[in-house]
Amino acid sequence: MNTDISNNSPPTASPVLEMPEDDMLPEYDFDYSKAQRNPYVGKIEARTASVTLAPDVAAVFSTSGAVNAALRVLIQAARGHVPANPEASDPAV
């Protein structure tokens, strides 16, 4: 083991990897001929709708069940009927 610290030269930089034109490293060589479509995508899309809440709105609701309960109350109010217990009408809560 060489413990000579008399060499005061700065450390050399690590060699930089040259990226191929497609920016994908060789270890990520995917065989797209074996790729399969997600079998669950149709089932999920048929049952759900995805929305993005504004940060101030999202801070009020901790779960999707809470959002659904509030929206159901709003829907009922618009129809002229407000349920006594809004959480009871949401099966996800």
Protein backbone atom coordinates (compact mmCIF):
# COMPACT_ATOMS: atom_id res chain seq x y z
CA MET A 1 0.00 0.00 0.00
CA ASN A 2 1.44 3.36 -1.00
CA THR A 3 0.87 5.98 1.69
CA ASP A 4 3.08 8.66 0.16
CA ILE A 5 1.16 11.96 0.37
CA SER A 6 3.93 14.08 -1.09
CA ASN A 7 2.18 14.31 -4.46
CA ASN A 8 0.13 17.53 -4.27
CA SER A 9 -1.41 17.27 -7.71
CA PRO A 10 -5.19 17.67 -7.89
CA PRO A 11 -7.29 14.55 -8.34
CA THR A 12 -8.14 13.69 -11.89
CA ALA A 13 -11.73 13.86 -13.07
CA SER A 14 -13.62 10.67 -13.77
CA PRO A 15 -14.06 9.87 -17.44
CA VAL A 16 -17.37 11.06 -18.85
CA LEU A 17 -19.55 8.44 -20.52
CA GLU A 18 -20.41 9.30 -24.06
CA MET A 19 -24.16 9.02 -24.58
CA PRO A 20 -25.40 7.49 -27.81
CA GLU A 21 -27.58 9.65 -30.05
CA ASP A 22 -30.81 8.19 -28.67
CA ASP A 23 -29.75 9.00 -25.05
CA MET A 24 -30.37 5.40 -23.94
CA LEU A 25 -27.55 3.54 -22.26
CA PRO A 26 -26.69 0.11 -23.68
CA GLU A 27 -27.91 -1.70 -20.55
CA TYR A 28 -31.44 -0.47 -21.30
CA ASP A 29 -31.78 -2.37 -24.53
CA PHE A 30 -35.50 -3.22 -24.54
CA ASP A 31 -36.98 -5.83 -26.82
CA TYR A 32 -40.17 -4.08 -27.85
CA SER A 33 -41.31 -7.12 -29.84
CA LYS A 34 -42.06 -8.79 -26.48
CA ALA A 35 -43.94 -5.81 -25.02
CA GLN A 36 -47.56 -6.33 -23.95
CA ARG A 37 -50.37 -3.86 -23.46
CA ASN A 38 -51.50 -3.38 -19.85
CA PRO A 39 -54.49 -5.76 -19.51
CA TYR A 40 -56.04 -3.65 -16.74
CA VAL A 41 -56.10 -0.28 -18.49
CA GLY A 42 -59.58 -0.76 -19.96
CA LYS A 43 -61.05 -1.85 -16.64
CA ILE A 44 -59.59 1.15 -14.80
CA GLU A 45 -60.61 3.67 -17.47
CA ALA A 46 -64.17 2.37 -17.52
CA ARG A 47 -64.67 2.88 -13.76
CA THR A 48 -62.78 6.02 -12.88
CA ALA A 49 -62.16 9.59 -13.88
CA SER A 50 -58.95 11.32 -12.94
CA VAL A 51 -59.00 15.00 -12.04
CA THR A 52 -56.37 17.37 -10.75
CA LEU A 53 -57.31 19.44 -7.73
CA ALA A 54 -55.87 22.88 -7.11
CA PRO A 55 -53.40 22.80 -4.20
CA ASP A 56 -55.71 24.78 -1.88
CA VAL A 57 -58.59 22.39 -2.59
CA ALA A 58 -56.40 19.29 -2.22
CA ALA A 59 -55.24 20.54 1.20
CA VAL A 60 -58.83 20.30 2.47
CA PHE A 61 -59.42 16.68 1.39
CA SER A 62 -57.24 13.86 2.69
CA THR A 63 -58.78 11.06 0.62
CA SER A 64 -60.67 10.50 -2.61
CA GLY A 65 -63.58 9.34 -0.43
CA ALA A 66 -63.72 12.76 1.22
CA VAL A 67 -63.77 14.46 -2.19
CA ASN A 68 -66.54 12.13 -3.38
CA ALA A 69 -68.62 12.75 -0.24
CA ALA A 70 -68.34 16.53 -0.66
CA LEU A 71 -69.25 16.34 -4.33
CA ARG A 72 -72.26 14.13 -3.57
CA VAL A 73 -73.49 16.71 -1.03
CA LEU A 74 -73.07 19.42 -3.66
CA ILE A 75 -74.96 17.36 -6.25
CA GLN A 76 -77.78 16.69 -3.80
CA ALA A 77 -77.93 20.39 -2.83
CA ALA A 78 -78.18 21.35 -6.48
CA ARG A 79 -81.11 18.95 -6.80
CA GLY A 80 -82.75 20.38 -3.68
CA HIS A 81 -82.04 17.51 -1.28
CA VAL A 82 -79.16 17.41 1.23
CA PRO A 83 -78.55 14.05 2.99
CA ALA A 84 -78.29 14.07 6.79
CA ASN A 85 -75.06 12.02 6.76
CA PRO A 86 -72.98 12.57 3.59
CA GLU A 87 -70.36 9.97 4.54
CA ALA A 88 -73.01 7.25 4.59
CA SER A 89 -73.64 7.77 0.88
CA ASP A 90 -70.03 7.11 -0.12
CA PRO A 91 -69.03 3.42 -0.22
CA ALA A 92 -65.32 4.36 -0.49
CA VAL A 93 -65.20 6.08 2.92
